[in-house]
Amino acid sequence: MSEAVDLFEFDFGVGVPVAKARTRRTLTARGGPANCIAQWIHLQLDGASEYENRPGEPAFSCWAVLVYPWAKQLELRAGERVTVGGSHDLCSVNIWTLGLAR
């Protein structure tokens, strides 16, 4: 119910371990019901090749779109903002909703 945003970016070409990180992003709703956060990957493999398993597009992959359900559905008005947080520790990613941004 919003535009996609990058929660994390990784550059594996620099040759150093990726540091742990914690961040947040604010999403602007298009309007309508929302009940989860969807997570997927977009890889730019080189200057000409990329892969993305965006929801709703046919993809044959072992990387599934992950869904983080909310406790209850929200009826969002167009322009309302929801803040989303995330962290990673090199082994796992956690994503959560911080709530409506007023």
C-alpha atoms as a PDB file:
ATOM      1  CA  MET A   1       0.000   0.000   0.000  1.00  0.00           C
ATOM      2  CA  SER A   2       3.075   2.232  -0.457  1.00  0.00           C
ATOM      3  CA  GLU A   3       6.061   2.633  -2.708  1.00  0.00           C
ATOM      4  CA  ALA A   4       8.890   0.190  -2.059  1.00  0.00           C
ATOM      5  CA  VAL A   5      11.846   1.501  -0.055  1.00  0.00           C
ATOM      6  CA  ASP A   6      15.282   0.057   0.664  1.00  0.00           C
ATOM      7  CA  LEU A   7      15.606  -0.819   4.323  1.00  0.00           C
ATOM      8  CA  PHE A   8      19.219  -1.994   3.876  1.00  0.00           C
ATOM      9  CA  GLU A   9      21.806  -1.892   1.106  1.00  0.00           C
ATOM     10  CA  PHE A  10      24.872  -4.116   0.963  1.00  0.00           C
ATOM     11  CA  ASP A  11      27.918  -3.766  -1.293  1.00  0.00           C
ATOM     12  CA  PHE A  12      29.611  -7.162  -1.371  1.00  0.00           C
ATOM     13  CA  GLY A  13      32.233  -5.880  -3.791  1.00  0.00           C
ATOM     14  CA  VAL A  14      34.162  -3.942  -1.147  1.00  0.00           C
ATOM     15  CA  GLY A  15      35.605  -7.103   0.399  1.00  0.00           C
ATOM     16  CA  VAL A  16      34.906  -6.357   4.060  1.00  0.00           C
ATOM     17  CA  PRO A  17      32.325  -7.911   6.391  1.00  0.00           C
ATOM     18  CA  VAL A  18      28.989  -6.167   6.545  1.00  0.00           C
ATOM     19  CA  ALA A  19      28.545  -4.444   9.909  1.00  0.00           C
ATOM     20  CA  LYS A  20      25.436  -4.964  12.034  1.00  0.00           C
ATOM     21  CA  ALA A  21      22.849  -2.261  11.427  1.00  0.00           C
ATOM     22  CA  ARG A  22      19.576  -0.882  12.745  1.00  0.00           C
ATOM     23  CA  THR A  23      17.435   1.600  10.806  1.00  0.00           C
ATOM     24  CA  ARG A  24      13.944   2.923  10.198  1.00  0.00           C
ATOM     25  CA  ARG A  25      12.019   4.213   7.197  1.00  0.00           C
ATOM     26  CA  THR A  26       8.738   6.061   6.903  1.00  0.00           C
ATOM     27  CA  LEU A  27       6.322   4.803   4.242  1.00  0.00           C
ATOM     28  CA  THR A  28       3.541   6.917   2.754  1.00  0.00           C
ATOM     29  CA  ALA A  29       0.280   5.003   2.210  1.00  0.00           C
ATOM     30  CA  ARG A  30      -1.656   5.080  -1.041  1.00  0.00           C
ATOM     31  CA  GLY A  31      -4.842   4.467   0.942  1.00  0.00           C
ATOM     32  CA  GLY A  32      -6.743   1.313   1.781  1.00  0.00           C
ATOM     33  CA  PRO A  33      -6.398  -1.684   4.087  1.00  0.00           C
ATOM     34  CA  ALA A  34      -2.940  -2.808   5.210  1.00  0.00           C
ATOM     35  CA  ASN A  35      -2.123  -5.782   7.434  1.00  0.00           C
ATOM     36  CA  CYS A  36       1.586  -6.576   6.994  1.00  0.00           C
ATOM     37  CA  ILE A  37       5.026  -5.585   5.777  1.00  0.00           C
ATOM     38  CA  ALA A  38       6.408  -7.475   2.775  1.00  0.00           C
ATOM     39  CA  GLN A  39      10.147  -8.032   2.376  1.00  0.00           C
ATOM     40  CA  TRP A  40      11.909  -9.105  -0.796  1.00  0.00           C
ATOM     41  CA  ILE A  41      15.310  -8.804  -2.400  1.00  0.00           C
ATOM     42  CA  HIS A  42      16.622  -6.834  -5.336  1.00  0.00           C
ATOM     43  CA  LEU A  43      20.125  -7.792  -6.444  1.00  0.00           C
ATOM     44  CA  GLN A  44      22.236  -5.848  -8.895  1.00  0.00           C
ATOM     45  CA  LEU A  45      24.709  -8.551  -9.809  1.00  0.00           C
ATOM     46  CA  ASP A  46      26.874  -6.473 -12.139  1.00  0.00           C
ATOM     47  CA  GLY A  47      26.423  -3.536 -14.493  1.00  0.00           C
ATOM     48  CA  ALA A  48      23.981  -5.478 -16.709  1.00  0.00           C
ATOM     49  CA  SER A  49      22.337  -8.210 -14.595  1.00  0.00           C
ATOM     50  CA  GLU A  50      19.804  -7.964 -11.807  1.00  0.00           C
ATOM     51  CA  TYR A  51      17.303 -10.135  -9.957  1.00  0.00           C
ATOM     52  CA  GLU A  52      14.210  -9.130  -7.987  1.00  0.00           C
ATOM     53  CA  ASN A  53      11.451 -11.269  -6.452  1.00  0.00           C
ATOM     54  CA  ARG A  54       8.964  -8.398  -5.976  1.00  0.00           C
ATOM     55  CA  PRO A  55       5.473  -9.472  -4.812  1.00  0.00           C
ATOM     56  CA  GLY A  56       2.937  -9.910  -7.578  1.00  0.00           C
ATOM     57  CA  GLU A  57       5.491 -10.573 -10.298  1.00  0.00           C
ATOM     58  CA  PRO A  58       6.089 -14.120 -11.489  1.00  0.00           C
ATOM     59  CA  ALA A  59       9.381 -15.385 -10.087  1.00  0.00           C
ATOM     60  CA  PHE A  60      10.742 -18.877  -9.851  1.00  0.00           C
ATOM     61  CA  SER A  61      13.128 -18.765  -6.960  1.00  0.00           C
ATOM     62  CA  CYS A  62      14.065 -20.345  -3.673  1.00  0.00           C
ATOM     63  CA  TRP A  63      13.937 -16.806  -2.173  1.00  0.00           C
ATOM     64  CA  ALA A  64      10.345 -16.273  -1.145  1.00  0.00           C
ATOM     65  CA  VAL A  65       8.795 -12.909  -0.333  1.00  0.00           C
ATOM     66  CA  LEU A  66       8.622 -12.694   3.461  1.00  0.00           C
ATOM     67  CA  VAL A  67       5.572 -11.267   5.226  1.00  0.00           C
ATOM     68  CA  TYR A  68       5.549  -9.700   8.693  1.00  0.00           C
ATOM     69  CA  PRO A  69       1.864  -9.610   9.780  1.00  0.00           C
ATOM     70  CA  TRP A  70       0.482  -6.878  12.015  1.00  0.00           C
ATOM     71  CA  ALA A  71      -1.671  -7.683  15.045  1.00  0.00           C
ATOM     72  CA  LYS A  72      -4.604  -5.929  13.351  1.00  0.00           C
ATOM     73  CA  GLN A  73      -5.422  -4.503   9.962  1.00  0.00           C
ATOM     74  CA  LEU A  74      -5.180  -0.734   9.515  1.00  0.00           C
ATOM     75  CA  GLU A  75      -7.391   1.322   7.226  1.00  0.00           C
ATOM     76  CA  LEU A  76      -4.913   3.868   5.938  1.00  0.00           C
ATOM     77  CA  ARG A  77      -5.838   7.118   4.246  1.00  0.00           C
ATOM     78  CA  ALA A  78      -3.808   8.249   1.240  1.00  0.00           C
ATOM     79  CA  GLY A  79      -0.854  10.236   2.540  1.00  0.00           C
ATOM     80  CA  GLU A  80      -0.819   8.671   6.021  1.00  0.00           C
ATOM     81  CA  ARG A  81       2.652   7.576   7.051  1.00  0.00           C
ATOM     82  CA  VAL A  82       3.760   4.384   8.793  1.00  0.00           C
ATOM     83  CA  THR A  83       7.235   4.024  10.290  1.00  0.00           C
ATOM     84  CA  VAL A  84       8.987   0.675   9.867  1.00  0.00           C
ATOM     85  CA  GLY A  85      12.129  -0.434  11.715  1.00  0.00           C
ATOM     86  CA  GLY A  86      14.665  -3.071  10.870  1.00  0.00           C
ATOM     87  CA  SER A  87      17.913  -4.601  12.034  1.00  0.00           C
ATOM     88  CA  HIS A  88      20.357  -7.253  10.885  1.00  0.00           C
ATOM     89  CA  ASP A  89      23.221  -9.041  12.589  1.00  0.00           C
ATOM     90  CA  LEU A  90      24.920 -10.753   9.628  1.00  0.00           C
ATOM     91  CA  CYS A  91      22.786 -13.876  10.116  1.00  0.00           C
ATOM     92  CA  SER A  92      19.198 -12.642  10.333  1.00  0.00           C
ATOM     93  CA  VAL A  93      16.975  -9.700   9.485  1.00  0.00           C
ATOM     94  CA  ASN A  94      14.225  -8.407  11.784  1.00  0.00           C
ATOM     95  CA  ILE A  95      11.503  -6.025  10.632  1.00  0.00           C
ATOM     96  CA  TRP A  96       8.783  -4.386  12.714  1.00  0.00           C
ATOM     97  CA  THR A  97       6.256  -1.569  12.585  1.00  0.00           C
ATOM     98  CA  LEU A  98       6.803   1.392  14.877  1.00  0.00           C
ATOM     99  CA  GLY A  99       3.327   2.769  14.149  1.00  0.00           C
ATOM    100  CA  LEU A 100       1.639   5.638  12.408  1.00  0.00           C
ATOM    101  CA  ALA A 101       3.866   8.689  11.985  1.00  0.00           C
ATOM    102  CA  ARG A 102       1.803  11.686  13.062  1.00  0.00           C
END
